[in-house]
């Protein structure tokens, strides 16, 4: 007999049980369900809603059940539908009628919202910790490569010289925003819904703030209908996870490019590479490619949950059972990707000489040549046009700007003097960019220092 079976005259069909059941995936919430139930029982006893002795008996039994689950002594039953009813059934079988008092002044609707929020709070912190480890790795790699000059790109075309440290610190900023987003999401998740019951609260004189305090929630929800029908926190979490994956995917795309023969800027460690079944020379960046591919999976989970919620009337609807698999898979995917990505980045070999050689192609110092003319008194637009003609001439002669003679420079503009060569030196181009956030070694060192201060807060 189902725990809700009093109104029914026949058992549900087995296919209905299988289709309706969520125990196959929401069983991972067992710890949160039991912890929430212990807090609820404590409140029921303190408020005199059930005898204190009954509350104590329930709490003791729930702690024993938790230990048994973690020791692998308990199997969940699909007939009980979900983790909440499984725990209640196990409790009732263990201590009899007293166990039936636990569900006083609550519903599965607010119970699942509580469990889900507790789970998300923990996973927000877990993923932040993984991001901190990645940020730590980025800072250490950046410190090693403050002097490593490389091309910066726009439209995947060589644009201006930067350093590898500066490039890495761009990703540091992305992941820093990700950590801030997770912190922000935590604030909106840290609101306790238990006590809303099915949708309209309860006639019992409960103490919701006591439960929130026991469970470590910052505050309680303000509206009972919103409490059970809200999944904004799950959507926001999945949105944050999707942005993390987008950043990881962009980073992986560059790693894949950098370790190709066309770039040869880095080499991935053998432990994070694979070979070909037919081509013995191949060393493939499969881990980076997989992370790039798994990004679509997390995006799909976000869109799926948004679609589930988009047309639901208040308050709880069974459609909302679809929230968990989407979020669980999103969490698992992001954690697996971060756990794989960080050591891959940590162990990669940076080919600094190849990066530096690459800076001699693509006229990366053309903007600096234009700035040279501006500092000699020529308006920027005129300087831009002069350097454009100089670049065209260089292409025709198959030369770089550094290889042109002073006579060739002066044939295009008499403003050029011998100091042009120092001005367009790649190292000078980088070091002269001392504006806040720029690639000069001074600015990058300051950025790294700020980075260490951020992750050590």
Foldseek 3Di string as FASTA:
>chain_A
DAPPCPVDDDDDDPVCLVVQADAVFQVVLLVQLLLLLLLLLCQCCVQVVDPVVLSVLLNVLSVVVVVCVVVVNDDFDSSNRHSNSRSLVSSCVVPNPSSVCSCPLAAVLLSVLRSVLLVLLVLLVVLLVLLLLLLVLLLVVLVVWLPQKFFDDDVNAGAAIFIPSLVSLVLSVLSLVLNVLSVVLNLVSLARLTQLHPQNGDPDPTDRVSSSVSSVRPYYDDHSFCSRADPVSLLSSLVSLLSVLVSLLVVLVVVQVCVDPVNVFKAWDQVQWDADPPDRVDTHNVLSVVSNVCSVLSVVLSVVQCVLNVDDDIGDDSSCSSSRVSSVVSSVSSVVSSVSPRVRSNRMGGPSVSRVVNNQPRQNLLQLQLVVVVVLPDDSVVSNVLSVVVVVVCVVVVHGPLPDDVVSSVVSPVSDDPCSNVSSDSLNSQQVPPDASGRHSVNSVVSSVVSVVVSVD
